[in-house]
Structures are given as C-alpha cells and as structure tokens.
Amino acid sequence: MDKIVLASNNAGKAREIAEILSAYHISVVPQSEYNVPEIPETGLTFIENALLKARNACQHTGLPALADDSGIEIDALNGEPGIYSARYAGEGATDEANVQKALKALKDVPPQQRGARFQCLMVLLEHEKDPTPLICQGTWEGSILTEPQGENGFGYDPVFYVPQYQCSAAQISSEQKHALSHRGKALKQLAEQIKARATK
C-alpha cells in the first residue's frame, strides 16, 4: 500500500494528513489529481460519511482510499455542529462564517459551559468492495473561546481553546497540533494498523 488516495478536496485537511503520514513513510495523493468528483455527504454519522467518500475515491481510481470525516461538537449546542461543521452556516460556507455562527449561538453561554471537542473518524478501504475497512477515531477535548485568536490551522481552530497550551489551536505549531489533535490521534492509530496488516 505505497500510494493512497485521499478522498478530500479540503486543502488544510490534505496538508495536515500528508504531513502526519509522511512521518510513517505513507504517501497520500489528493483525489483532485485523479479528477475524482465530490460525493454528497448524506450519512447521519461521521463514520457513514467517511465510508461514502472513501468508496467513491476507490471506485474512480482503483486505488486504496483514505477518508476522514471530522467536526466539532459543542456541549451547549447539544453536540452541534457535529457532522455539519463544514457547512454549519450553509453549503459552501467559509470557515469564518461557520465560526461566527457558532460564536453567535454561544453569545450568552458562560466560559465553564463552553466545553467542546473535535472528533475525527478515519476510514481506509483497500478497494471499493473492501468488507473490512480500517476504522480509527480520535478525539480532542477543549472549549470554545469568545472570539477568534491566532493565524494557524483552519476551520474552528481559532476559537478552540487548548488547555495544555492555554491558547487557541490556531496559536500552536503544526507539530504541537499533530501530537494532540483528533486527526493526529486517528492517523497514528491508522499508521499502526497499516503496518500490522503489512506484516501479517
């Protein structure tokens, strides 16, 4: 499994995944290089959406495909935006629009009730009919700030407070983020499972 297609057109996500997996000598190629069309995310869970995206990439490329479905769950919003994190403010919404909608919804919520976590579900299919996909999950606990802080990262990073560093996820380095983040944790599990499968 030297080459894996990444079933995502999100540049920030693609960069992060390629960075993390390169440490394990696993090469990922974005699906855009194969002109893979995007598929509607009609699943009701992160896992369903990740499987849909991975299977679609396998069908169009004939290669193993990796898909991630991730988002942020905010306690005071009953777990929203969850699977709708990327389109919380509507289809095609910018990161900033999504963040502003979340901040507006939390306007009167005190700091101690602004708990949140990033969830990442990672799925690897060896081929489109793979009956036993590799599935990994990573969680990153934190809370929501009252305003964006920092320039790094993407998505909800500027408003996600990281207790270990006492700042937002957009104010820490890529290395620090990879060590703590939901995506970093899921990819570490995935790399270990790929290696274990390869040695069988």
N, C-alpha and C. Protein backbone atom coordinates (compact mmCIF):
# COMPACT_ATOMS: atom_id res chain seq x y z
N MET A 1 0.85 -1.18 0.00
CA MET A 1 0.00 0.00 0.00
C MET A 1 0.90 1.26 0.00
N ASP A 2 1.65 1.40 -1.11
CA ASP A 2 2.59 2.52 -1.19
C ASP A 2 1.89 3.85 -1.43
N LYS A 3 0.80 3.78 -2.20
CA LYS A 3 0.11 5.02 -2.55
C LYS A 3 -1.36 4.93 -2.16
N ILE A 4 -1.82 5.96 -1.45
CA ILE A 4 -3.22 6.00 -1.01
C ILE A 4 -3.83 7.29 -1.51
N VAL A 5 -5.04 7.20 -2.04
CA VAL A 5 -5.76 8.40 -2.48
C VAL A 5 -6.50 9.00 -1.29
N LEU A 6 -6.35 10.29 -1.11
CA LEU A 6 -7.06 10.98 -0.04
C LEU A 6 -8.37 11.53 -0.58
N ALA A 7 -9.48 11.03 -0.03
CA ALA A 7 -10.81 11.42 -0.50
C ALA A 7 -11.25 12.74 0.14
N SER A 8 -10.53 13.81 -0.23
CA SER A 8 -10.88 15.13 0.29
C SER A 8 -10.35 16.20 -0.64
N ASN A 9 -11.11 17.28 -0.78
CA ASN A 9 -10.63 18.44 -1.54
C ASN A 9 -10.35 19.61 -0.60
N ASN A 10 -10.35 19.34 0.71
CA ASN A 10 -10.06 20.37 1.70
C ASN A 10 -8.54 20.51 1.82
N ALA A 11 -8.02 21.65 1.36
CA ALA A 11 -6.56 21.83 1.28
C ALA A 11 -5.89 21.76 2.65
N GLY A 12 -6.53 22.35 3.67
CA GLY A 12 -5.95 22.33 5.01
C GLY A 12 -5.87 20.92 5.56
N LYS A 13 -6.94 20.18 5.36
CA LYS A 13 -7.00 18.79 5.83
C LYS A 13 -5.98 17.93 5.09
N ALA A 14 -5.91 18.11 3.76
CA ALA A 14 -4.98 17.32 2.94
C ALA A 14 -3.53 17.56 3.37
N ARG A 15 -3.20 18.82 3.63
CA ARG A 15 -1.84 19.17 4.04
C ARG A 15 -1.51 18.51 5.39
N GLU A 16 -2.45 18.58 6.32
CA GLU A 16 -2.25 18.02 7.65
C GLU A 16 -2.07 16.50 7.60
N ILE A 17 -2.93 15.83 6.84
CA ILE A 17 -2.86 14.37 6.73
C ILE A 17 -1.55 13.93 6.07
N ALA A 18 -1.16 14.62 4.99
CA ALA A 18 0.09 14.27 4.30
C ALA A 18 1.29 14.46 5.22
N GLU A 19 1.29 15.55 5.99
CA GLU A 19 2.38 15.84 6.94
C GLU A 19 2.50 14.73 7.98
N ILE A 20 1.37 14.35 8.57
CA ILE A 20 1.40 13.35 9.64
C ILE A 20 1.81 11.98 9.11
N LEU A 21 1.23 11.57 7.97
CA LEU A 21 1.53 10.23 7.45
C LEU A 21 2.93 10.12 6.86
N SER A 22 3.52 11.25 6.43
CA SER A 22 4.87 11.20 5.87
C SER A 22 5.87 10.69 6.92
N ALA A 23 5.57 10.98 8.20
CA ALA A 23 6.43 10.51 9.29
C ALA A 23 6.43 8.98 9.37
N TYR A 24 5.39 8.35 8.82
CA TYR A 24 5.28 6.89 8.83
C TYR A 24 5.62 6.31 7.44
N HIS A 25 6.17 7.16 6.56
CA HIS A 25 6.55 6.75 5.20
C HIS A 25 5.35 6.23 4.39
N ILE A 26 4.20 6.89 4.63
CA ILE A 26 2.99 6.55 3.87
C ILE A 26 2.66 7.76 2.99
N SER A 27 2.56 7.52 1.69
CA SER A 27 2.33 8.62 0.74
C SER A 27 0.85 8.73 0.39
N VAL A 28 0.30 9.94 0.51
CA VAL A 28 -1.10 10.16 0.13
C VAL A 28 -1.17 11.18 -1.01
N VAL A 29 -2.06 10.89 -1.95
CA VAL A 29 -2.24 11.75 -3.11
C VAL A 29 -3.67 12.27 -3.09
N PRO A 30 -3.88 13.59 -3.21
CA PRO A 30 -5.26 14.09 -3.17
C PRO A 30 -6.08 13.58 -4.35
N GLN A 31 -7.37 13.37 -4.11
CA GLN A 31 -8.24 12.83 -5.17
C GLN A 31 -8.35 13.77 -6.37
N SER A 32 -8.05 15.05 -6.16
CA SER A 32 -8.12 16.02 -7.27
C SER A 32 -7.15 15.65 -8.39
N GLU A 33 -6.05 14.94 -8.05
CA GLU A 33 -5.08 14.53 -9.08
C GLU A 33 -5.66 13.49 -10.02
N TYR A 34 -6.75 12.87 -9.59
CA TYR A 34 -7.41 11.85 -10.42
C TYR A 34 -8.78 12.34 -10.91
N ASN A 35 -9.04 13.61 -10.70
CA ASN A 35 -10.35 14.21 -11.09
C ASN A 35 -11.53 13.45 -10.51
N VAL A 36 -11.40 13.02 -9.27
CA VAL A 36 -12.50 12.31 -8.60
C VAL A 36 -13.58 13.33 -8.23
N PRO A 37 -14.82 13.11 -8.69
CA PRO A 37 -15.89 14.06 -8.33
C PRO A 37 -16.26 13.94 -6.86
N GLU A 38 -16.63 15.05 -6.25
CA GLU A 38 -17.08 15.01 -4.85
C GLU A 38 -18.41 14.27 -4.78
N ILE A 39 -18.65 13.64 -3.66
CA ILE A 39 -19.90 12.90 -3.46
C ILE A 39 -20.67 13.58 -2.32
N PRO A 40 -22.00 13.69 -2.43
CA PRO A 40 -22.76 14.31 -1.34
C PRO A 40 -22.59 13.52 -0.04
N GLU A 41 -22.39 14.25 1.06
CA GLU A 41 -22.24 13.59 2.37
C GLU A 41 -23.62 13.42 2.99
N THR A 42 -24.25 12.30 2.63
CA THR A 42 -25.64 12.07 3.03
C THR A 42 -25.75 11.22 4.30
N GLY A 43 -24.62 10.79 4.85
CA GLY A 43 -24.64 9.98 6.07
C GLY A 43 -25.11 10.79 7.26
N LEU A 44 -25.55 10.09 8.30
CA LEU A 44 -26.01 10.75 9.53
C LEU A 44 -24.97 10.68 10.63
N THR A 45 -23.81 10.05 10.32
CA THR A 45 -22.73 9.95 11.30
C THR A 45 -21.41 10.21 10.58
N PHE A 46 -20.37 10.52 11.36
CA PHE A 46 -19.04 10.72 10.78
C PHE A 46 -18.59 9.47 10.03
N ILE A 47 -18.85 8.30 10.61
CA ILE A 47 -18.37 7.06 10.00
C ILE A 47 -19.05 6.80 8.65
N GLU A 48 -20.37 7.05 8.58
CA GLU A 48 -21.08 6.85 7.31
C GLU A 48 -20.52 7.76 6.22
N ASN A 49 -20.28 9.01 6.56
CA ASN A 49 -19.76 9.96 5.57
C ASN A 49 -18.35 9.59 5.12
N ALA A 50 -17.52 9.16 6.06
CA ALA A 50 -16.15 8.77 5.70
C ALA A 50 -16.16 7.56 4.75
N LEU A 51 -17.02 6.59 5.02
CA LEU A 51 -17.13 5.41 4.15
C LEU A 51 -17.61 5.79 2.75
N LEU A 52 -18.60 6.68 2.68
CA LEU A 52 -19.10 7.14 1.38
C LEU A 52 -17.98 7.76 0.55
N LYS A 53 -17.20 8.62 1.20
CA LYS A 53 -16.13 9.34 0.48
C LYS A 53 -15.01 8.40 0.05
N ALA A 54 -14.63 7.48 0.94
CA ALA A 54 -13.55 6.53 0.61
C ALA A 54 -13.97 5.61 -0.54
N ARG A 55 -15.20 5.11 -0.47
CA ARG A 55 -15.68 4.19 -1.51
C ARG A 55 -15.73 4.90 -2.87
N ASN A 56 -16.17 6.13 -2.87
CA ASN A 56 -16.24 6.92 -4.10
C ASN A 56 -14.85 7.09 -4.72
N ALA A 57 -13.85 7.38 -3.89
CA ALA A 57 -12.48 7.54 -4.40
C ALA A 57 -11.92 6.23 -4.94
N CYS A 58 -12.22 5.12 -4.25
CA CYS A 58 -11.78 3.80 -4.74
C CYS A 58 -12.39 3.50 -6.11
N GLN A 59 -13.68 3.76 -6.24
CA GLN A 59 -14.40 3.47 -7.50
C GLN A 59 -13.78 4.22 -8.68
N HIS A 60 -13.37 5.47 -8.45
CA HIS A 60 -12.87 6.29 -9.55
C HIS A 60 -11.38 6.12 -9.82
N THR A 61 -10.63 5.53 -8.87
CA THR A 61 -9.17 5.44 -9.07
C THR A 61 -8.64 4.01 -9.10
N GLY A 62 -9.40 3.07 -8.51
CA GLY A 62 -8.91 1.70 -8.41
C GLY A 62 -7.80 1.54 -7.39
N LEU A 63 -7.57 2.60 -6.58
CA LEU A 63 -6.51 2.58 -5.58
C LEU A 63 -7.11 2.54 -4.17
N PRO A 64 -6.32 2.16 -3.18
CA PRO A 64 -6.80 2.28 -1.79
C PRO A 64 -7.13 3.74 -1.50
N ALA A 65 -8.16 3.97 -0.70
CA ALA A 65 -8.57 5.35 -0.43
C ALA A 65 -8.76 5.59 1.06
N LEU A 66 -8.32 6.76 1.48
CA LEU A 66 -8.42 7.19 2.87
C LEU A 66 -9.39 8.37 2.93
N ALA A 67 -10.34 8.29 3.84
CA ALA A 67 -11.28 9.41 4.01
C ALA A 67 -11.39 9.73 5.48
N ASP A 68 -11.56 11.02 5.74
CA ASP A 68 -11.72 11.46 7.12
C ASP A 68 -13.02 12.23 7.16
N ASP A 69 -13.83 11.98 8.16
CA ASP A 69 -14.95 12.89 8.40
C ASP A 69 -14.78 13.37 9.82
N SER A 70 -14.77 14.68 9.95
CA SER A 70 -14.48 15.24 11.26
C SER A 70 -15.30 16.49 11.49
N GLY A 71 -15.35 16.89 12.72
CA GLY A 71 -16.11 18.09 13.05
C GLY A 71 -16.00 18.40 14.53
N ILE A 72 -16.68 19.45 14.93
CA ILE A 72 -16.62 19.86 16.32
C ILE A 72 -17.98 19.69 16.97
N GLU A 73 -17.98 19.18 18.18
CA GLU A 73 -19.21 19.00 18.96
C GLU A 73 -19.16 19.99 20.13
N ILE A 74 -20.17 20.84 20.22
CA ILE A 74 -20.20 21.85 21.28
C ILE A 74 -21.30 21.47 22.27
N ASP A 75 -20.91 21.28 23.53
CA ASP A 75 -21.85 20.78 24.54
C ASP A 75 -23.10 21.65 24.68
N ALA A 76 -22.90 22.96 24.74
CA ALA A 76 -24.03 23.87 24.96
C ALA A 76 -24.99 23.92 23.77
N LEU A 77 -24.54 23.38 22.62
CA LEU A 77 -25.39 23.33 21.42
C LEU A 77 -25.85 21.90 21.14
N ASN A 78 -25.88 21.08 22.21
CA ASN A 78 -26.32 19.67 22.08
C ASN A 78 -25.51 18.90 21.04
N GLY A 79 -24.21 19.19 20.98
CA GLY A 79 -23.34 18.45 20.06
C GLY A 79 -23.23 19.04 18.67
N GLU A 80 -23.98 20.11 18.42
CA GLU A 80 -23.84 20.76 17.10
C GLU A 80 -22.50 21.49 17.05
N PRO A 81 -21.99 21.77 15.84
CA PRO A 81 -22.49 21.40 14.52
C PRO A 81 -22.21 19.96 14.10
N GLY A 82 -21.32 19.25 14.81
CA GLY A 82 -21.12 17.83 14.51
C GLY A 82 -20.77 17.56 13.06
N ILE A 83 -21.53 16.64 12.43
CA ILE A 83 -21.23 16.26 11.04
C ILE A 83 -21.45 17.41 10.07
N TYR A 84 -22.13 18.46 10.53
CA TYR A 84 -22.40 19.60 9.65
C TYR A 84 -21.39 20.74 9.86
N SER A 85 -20.27 20.46 10.54
CA SER A 85 -19.31 21.51 10.90
C SER A 85 -18.84 22.33 9.71
N ALA A 86 -18.55 21.67 8.58
CA ALA A 86 -18.02 22.38 7.41
C ALA A 86 -19.08 23.20 6.69
N ARG A 87 -20.34 22.89 6.96
CA ARG A 87 -21.42 23.63 6.27
C ARG A 87 -22.45 24.15 7.28
N TYR A 88 -21.96 24.48 8.47
CA TYR A 88 -22.83 24.94 9.55
C TYR A 88 -23.59 26.20 9.16
N ALA A 89 -22.91 27.11 8.46
CA ALA A 89 -23.55 28.36 8.05
C ALA A 89 -24.14 28.26 6.64
N GLY A 90 -24.27 27.03 6.12
CA GLY A 90 -24.85 26.82 4.80
C GLY A 90 -23.86 26.16 3.86
N GLU A 91 -24.36 25.57 2.77
CA GLU A 91 -23.49 24.91 1.79
C GLU A 91 -22.47 25.92 1.25
N GLY A 92 -21.22 25.50 1.17
CA GLY A 92 -20.18 26.38 0.63
C GLY A 92 -19.75 27.49 1.57
N ALA A 93 -20.16 27.40 2.85
CA ALA A 93 -19.83 28.45 3.82
C ALA A 93 -18.32 28.50 4.06
N THR A 94 -17.81 29.69 4.34
CA THR A 94 -16.39 29.83 4.66
C THR A 94 -16.17 29.42 6.12
N ASP A 95 -14.90 29.15 6.46
CA ASP A 95 -14.56 28.84 7.84
C ASP A 95 -15.03 29.96 8.76
N GLU A 96 -14.80 31.20 8.32
CA GLU A 96 -15.14 32.35 9.15
C GLU A 96 -16.65 32.43 9.41
N ALA A 97 -17.45 32.15 8.37
CA ALA A 97 -18.92 32.19 8.54
C ALA A 97 -19.38 31.13 9.53
N ASN A 98 -18.79 29.93 9.44
CA ASN A 98 -19.14 28.86 10.36
C ASN A 98 -18.78 29.22 11.80
N VAL A 99 -17.58 29.78 11.97
CA VAL A 99 -17.12 30.17 13.30
C VAL A 99 -18.03 31.25 13.89
N GLN A 100 -18.36 32.24 13.07
CA GLN A 100 -19.20 33.34 13.56
C GLN A 100 -20.59 32.85 13.96
N LYS A 101 -21.12 31.88 13.21
CA LYS A 101 -22.44 31.34 13.57
C LYS A 101 -22.37 30.64 14.93
N ALA A 102 -21.29 29.88 15.16
CA ALA A 102 -21.13 29.18 16.44
C ALA A 102 -20.98 30.19 17.59
N LEU A 103 -20.18 31.23 17.37
CA LEU A 103 -19.96 32.23 18.42
C LEU A 103 -21.26 32.96 18.75
N LYS A 104 -22.05 33.24 17.71
CA LYS A 104 -23.34 33.92 17.93
C LYS A 104 -24.26 33.04 18.77
N ALA A 105 -24.28 31.73 18.46
CA ALA A 105 -25.14 30.80 19.20
C ALA A 105 -24.71 30.67 20.66
N LEU A 106 -23.41 30.94 20.93
CA LEU A 106 -22.87 30.80 22.29
C LEU A 106 -22.75 32.14 23.02
N LYS A 107 -23.33 33.17 22.45
CA LYS A 107 -23.15 34.55 22.95
C LYS A 107 -23.33 34.69 24.46
N ASP A 108 -24.38 34.08 25.00
CA ASP A 108 -24.68 34.25 26.43
C ASP A 108 -24.26 33.06 27.30
N VAL A 109 -23.43 32.17 26.72
CA VAL A 109 -23.02 30.97 27.47
C VAL A 109 -21.72 31.27 28.23
N PRO A 110 -21.71 31.06 29.57
CA PRO A 110 -20.50 31.36 30.36
C PRO A 110 -19.35 30.41 30.04
N PRO A 111 -18.11 30.84 30.34
CA PRO A 111 -16.91 30.05 29.99
C PRO A 111 -16.95 28.60 30.46
N GLN A 112 -17.45 28.36 31.68
CA GLN A 112 -17.43 27.00 32.23
C GLN A 112 -18.43 26.06 31.54
N GLN A 113 -19.30 26.62 30.69
CA GLN A 113 -20.27 25.79 29.97
C GLN A 113 -20.00 25.74 28.46
N ARG A 114 -18.76 26.09 28.07
CA ARG A 114 -18.43 26.15 26.63
C ARG A 114 -17.56 24.97 26.19
N GLY A 115 -17.72 23.84 26.88
CA GLY A 115 -16.95 22.63 26.55
C GLY A 115 -17.21 22.18 25.13
N ALA A 116 -16.17 21.64 24.48
CA ALA A 116 -16.31 21.18 23.10
C ALA A 116 -15.21 20.17 22.81
N ARG A 117 -15.40 19.44 21.73
CA ARG A 117 -14.35 18.51 21.31
C ARG A 117 -14.40 18.36 19.79
N PHE A 118 -13.22 18.18 19.23
CA PHE A 118 -13.10 17.79 17.83
C PHE A 118 -13.16 16.27 17.77
N GLN A 119 -13.91 15.75 16.80
CA GLN A 119 -13.96 14.31 16.54
C GLN A 119 -13.44 14.05 15.14
N CYS A 120 -12.71 12.95 14.98
CA CYS A 120 -12.24 12.56 13.65
C CYS A 120 -12.44 11.06 13.48
N LEU A 121 -13.11 10.70 12.42
CA LEU A 121 -13.27 9.30 12.04
C LEU A 121 -12.51 9.10 10.74
N MET A 122 -11.58 8.18 10.75
CA MET A 122 -10.72 7.94 9.60
C MET A 122 -11.00 6.54 9.08
N VAL A 123 -11.19 6.43 7.76
CA VAL A 123 -11.51 5.13 7.15
C VAL A 123 -10.56 4.87 6.00
N LEU A 124 -10.03 3.66 5.94
CA LEU A 124 -9.18 3.26 4.81
C LEU A 124 -9.78 2.02 4.17
N LEU A 125 -10.10 2.14 2.88
CA LEU A 125 -10.59 1.00 2.09
C LEU A 125 -9.50 0.56 1.12
N GLU A 126 -9.21 -0.73 1.06
CA GLU A 126 -8.21 -1.21 0.10
C GLU A 126 -8.78 -1.22 -1.32
N HIS A 127 -10.09 -1.43 -1.43
CA HIS A 127 -10.78 -1.38 -2.72
C HIS A 127 -12.25 -1.09 -2.43
N GLU A 128 -13.02 -0.81 -3.47
CA GLU A 128 -14.39 -0.32 -3.24
C GLU A 128 -15.30 -1.33 -2.55
N LYS A 129 -14.99 -2.64 -2.67
CA LYS A 129 -15.85 -3.65 -2.03
C LYS A 129 -15.20 -4.21 -0.76
N ASP A 130 -14.21 -3.52 -0.24
CA ASP A 130 -13.50 -3.97 0.96
C ASP A 130 -14.50 -4.16 2.12
N PRO A 131 -14.67 -5.43 2.59
CA PRO A 131 -15.65 -5.68 3.65
C PRO A 131 -15.13 -5.35 5.05
N THR A 132 -13.80 -5.15 5.17
CA THR A 132 -13.22 -4.88 6.49
C THR A 132 -12.34 -3.63 6.43
N PRO A 133 -12.95 -2.47 6.30
CA PRO A 133 -12.15 -1.24 6.25
C PRO A 133 -11.43 -1.01 7.59
N LEU A 134 -10.30 -0.34 7.52
CA LEU A 134 -9.64 0.11 8.74
C LEU A 134 -10.38 1.35 9.22
N ILE A 135 -10.78 1.37 10.48
CA ILE A 135 -11.53 2.50 11.03
C ILE A 135 -10.84 2.96 12.31
N CYS A 136 -10.53 4.24 12.36
CA CYS A 136 -9.87 4.80 13.54
C CYS A 136 -10.58 6.08 13.98
N GLN A 137 -10.58 6.32 15.27
CA GLN A 137 -11.24 7.52 15.81
C GLN A 137 -10.29 8.26 16.74
N GLY A 138 -10.30 9.59 16.62
CA GLY A 138 -9.53 10.43 17.53
C GLY A 138 -10.41 11.55 18.07
N THR A 139 -10.20 11.91 19.33
CA THR A 139 -10.98 12.97 19.99
C THR A 139 -10.02 13.97 20.61
N TRP A 140 -10.37 15.26 20.53
CA TRP A 140 -9.54 16.32 21.13
C TRP A 140 -10.45 17.22 21.95
N GLU A 141 -10.27 17.17 23.26
CA GLU A 141 -11.13 17.93 24.19
C GLU A 141 -10.62 19.35 24.40
N GLY A 142 -11.55 20.29 24.49
CA GLY A 142 -11.20 21.68 24.75
C GLY A 142 -12.46 22.47 25.06
N SER A 143 -12.46 23.74 24.69
CA SER A 143 -13.65 24.57 24.87
C SER A 143 -13.64 25.68 23.82
N ILE A 144 -14.71 26.45 23.78
CA ILE A 144 -14.85 27.48 22.75
C ILE A 144 -14.58 28.86 23.35
N LEU A 145 -13.66 29.59 22.72
CA LEU A 145 -13.34 30.96 23.15
C LEU A 145 -14.47 31.90 22.75
N THR A 146 -14.41 33.13 23.22
CA THR A 146 -15.46 34.11 22.87
C THR A 146 -15.14 34.84 21.57
N GLU A 147 -13.88 34.75 21.12
CA GLU A 147 -13.52 35.37 19.83
C GLU A 147 -12.31 34.64 19.24
N PRO A 148 -12.14 34.72 17.90
CA PRO A 148 -11.01 34.01 17.26
C PRO A 148 -9.66 34.57 17.71
N GLN A 149 -8.68 33.67 17.82
CA GLN A 149 -7.32 34.05 18.19
C GLN A 149 -6.34 33.20 17.39
N GLY A 150 -5.34 33.84 16.77
CA GLY A 150 -4.29 33.09 16.07
C GLY A 150 -4.52 32.98 14.57
N GLU A 151 -3.43 32.68 13.87
CA GLU A 151 -3.46 32.65 12.39
C GLU A 151 -3.22 31.26 11.80
N ASN A 152 -2.81 30.31 12.62
CA ASN A 152 -2.50 28.98 12.09
C ASN A 152 -3.77 28.13 11.98
N GLY A 153 -3.60 26.94 11.39
CA GLY A 153 -4.73 26.00 11.33
C GLY A 153 -5.82 26.44 10.37
N PHE A 154 -6.99 25.85 10.55
CA PHE A 154 -8.14 26.13 9.68
C PHE A 154 -9.41 25.73 10.42
N GLY A 155 -10.55 25.94 9.79
CA GLY A 155 -11.82 25.56 10.42
C GLY A 155 -12.06 26.30 11.72
N TYR A 156 -12.36 25.55 12.78
CA TYR A 156 -12.70 26.13 14.08
C TYR A 156 -11.46 26.34 14.98
N ASP A 157 -10.26 26.10 14.44
CA ASP A 157 -9.04 26.22 15.24
C ASP A 157 -8.92 27.55 15.99
N PRO A 158 -9.25 28.70 15.36
CA PRO A 158 -9.07 29.98 16.06
C PRO A 158 -9.95 30.16 17.31
N VAL A 159 -11.03 29.39 17.43
CA VAL A 159 -11.89 29.54 18.61
C VAL A 159 -11.85 28.32 19.53
N PHE A 160 -10.99 27.35 19.20
CA PHE A 160 -10.89 26.14 20.02
C PHE A 160 -9.76 26.31 21.02
N TYR A 161 -10.12 26.37 22.29
CA TYR A 161 -9.14 26.58 23.37
C TYR A 161 -8.47 25.27 23.75
N VAL A 162 -7.13 25.28 23.75
CA VAL A 162 -6.34 24.10 24.07
C VAL A 162 -5.80 24.25 25.50
N PRO A 163 -6.36 23.52 26.48
CA PRO A 163 -5.97 23.71 27.88
C PRO A 163 -4.47 23.52 28.13
N GLN A 164 -3.85 22.55 27.42
CA GLN A 164 -2.43 22.27 27.67
C GLN A 164 -1.54 23.47 27.37
N TYR A 165 -1.94 24.27 26.38
CA TYR A 165 -1.11 25.43 25.99
C TYR A 165 -1.75 26.77 26.36
N GLN A 166 -2.96 26.71 26.91
CA GLN A 166 -3.69 27.92 27.33
C GLN A 166 -3.79 28.95 26.21
N CYS A 167 -4.12 28.46 25.03
CA CYS A 167 -4.33 29.35 23.87
C CYS A 167 -5.18 28.59 22.86
N SER A 168 -5.45 29.21 21.73
CA SER A 168 -6.29 28.55 20.72
C SER A 168 -5.47 27.57 19.89
N ALA A 169 -6.17 26.68 19.19
CA ALA A 169 -5.49 25.71 18.31
C ALA A 169 -4.82 26.40 17.14
N ALA A 170 -5.19 27.65 16.87
CA ALA A 170 -4.57 28.42 15.79
C ALA A 170 -3.33 29.17 16.27
N GLN A 171 -2.97 28.99 17.55
CA GLN A 171 -1.80 29.67 18.10
C GLN A 171 -0.68 28.69 18.47
N ILE A 172 -0.86 27.41 18.14
CA ILE A 172 0.20 26.44 18.41
C ILE A 172 0.82 25.99 17.09
N SER A 173 2.00 25.39 17.16
CA SER A 173 2.68 24.96 15.94
C SER A 173 2.03 23.70 15.37
N SER A 174 2.36 23.41 14.11
CA SER A 174 1.83 22.20 13.47
C SER A 174 2.24 20.95 14.25
N GLU A 175 3.49 20.94 14.73
CA GLU A 175 3.99 19.77 15.47
C GLU A 175 3.20 19.58 16.77
N GLN A 176 2.95 20.68 17.47
CA GLN A 176 2.18 20.60 18.71
C GLN A 176 0.75 20.12 18.43
N LYS A 177 0.18 20.64 17.35
CA LYS A 177 -1.19 20.27 16.99
C LYS A 177 -1.27 18.78 16.63
N HIS A 178 -0.33 18.30 15.81
CA HIS A 178 -0.37 16.90 15.39
C HIS A 178 -0.29 15.94 16.58
N ALA A 179 0.45 16.35 17.61
CA ALA A 179 0.63 15.49 18.79
C ALA A 179 -0.64 15.40 19.63
N LEU A 180 -1.48 16.44 19.57
CA LEU A 180 -2.67 16.49 20.42
C LEU A 180 -3.98 16.24 19.69
N SER A 181 -4.01 16.57 18.41
CA SER A 181 -5.30 16.69 17.72
C SER A 181 -6.00 15.37 17.46
N HIS A 182 -7.30 15.48 17.25
CA HIS A 182 -8.16 14.36 16.88
C HIS A 182 -7.63 13.67 15.63
N ARG A 183 -7.22 14.46 14.64
CA ARG A 183 -6.74 13.89 13.37
C ARG A 183 -5.39 13.20 13.59
N GLY A 184 -4.53 13.83 14.37
CA GLY A 184 -3.23 13.23 14.67
C GLY A 184 -3.38 11.88 15.36
N LYS A 185 -4.29 11.82 16.34
CA LYS A 185 -4.52 10.57 17.08
C LYS A 185 -5.08 9.47 16.16
N ALA A 186 -6.06 9.85 15.31
CA ALA A 186 -6.65 8.85 14.41
C ALA A 186 -5.63 8.35 13.40
N LEU A 187 -4.79 9.25 12.88
CA LEU A 187 -3.80 8.86 11.88
C LEU A 187 -2.70 8.00 12.47
N LYS A 188 -2.36 8.26 13.73
CA LYS A 188 -1.35 7.42 14.40
C LYS A 188 -1.86 5.99 14.50
N GLN A 189 -3.12 5.84 14.93
CA GLN A 189 -3.74 4.50 15.00
C GLN A 189 -3.74 3.84 13.63
N LEU A 190 -4.10 4.65 12.61
CA LEU A 190 -4.21 4.12 11.24
C LEU A 190 -2.86 3.61 10.75
N ALA A 191 -1.80 4.41 10.96
CA ALA A 191 -0.47 4.01 10.52
C ALA A 191 -0.04 2.71 11.19
N GLU A 192 -0.36 2.58 12.48
CA GLU A 192 -0.01 1.36 13.20
C GLU A 192 -0.76 0.15 12.65
N GLN A 193 -2.06 0.38 12.31
CA GLN A 193 -2.86 -0.73 11.76
C GLN A 193 -2.37 -1.13 10.36
N ILE A 194 -1.97 -0.13 9.55
CA ILE A 194 -1.45 -0.44 8.21
C ILE A 194 -0.19 -1.28 8.33
N LYS A 195 0.70 -0.89 9.25
CA LYS A 195 1.94 -1.63 9.46
C LYS A 195 1.65 -3.06 9.94
N ALA A 196 0.71 -3.17 10.88
CA ALA A 196 0.36 -4.50 11.40
C ALA A 196 -0.19 -5.39 10.30
N ARG A 197 -1.01 -4.80 9.43
CA ARG A 197 -1.60 -5.57 8.34
C ARG A 197 -0.52 -6.00 7.34
N ALA A 198 0.45 -5.13 7.12
CA ALA A 198 1.51 -5.40 6.16
C ALA A 198 2.44 -6.52 6.62
N THR A 199 2.56 -6.68 7.94
CA THR A 199 3.49 -7.70 8.45
C THR A 199 2.84 -9.07 8.64
N LYS A 200 1.53 -9.14 8.39
CA LYS A 200 0.83 -10.42 8.56
C LYS A 200 1.20 -11.38 7.43
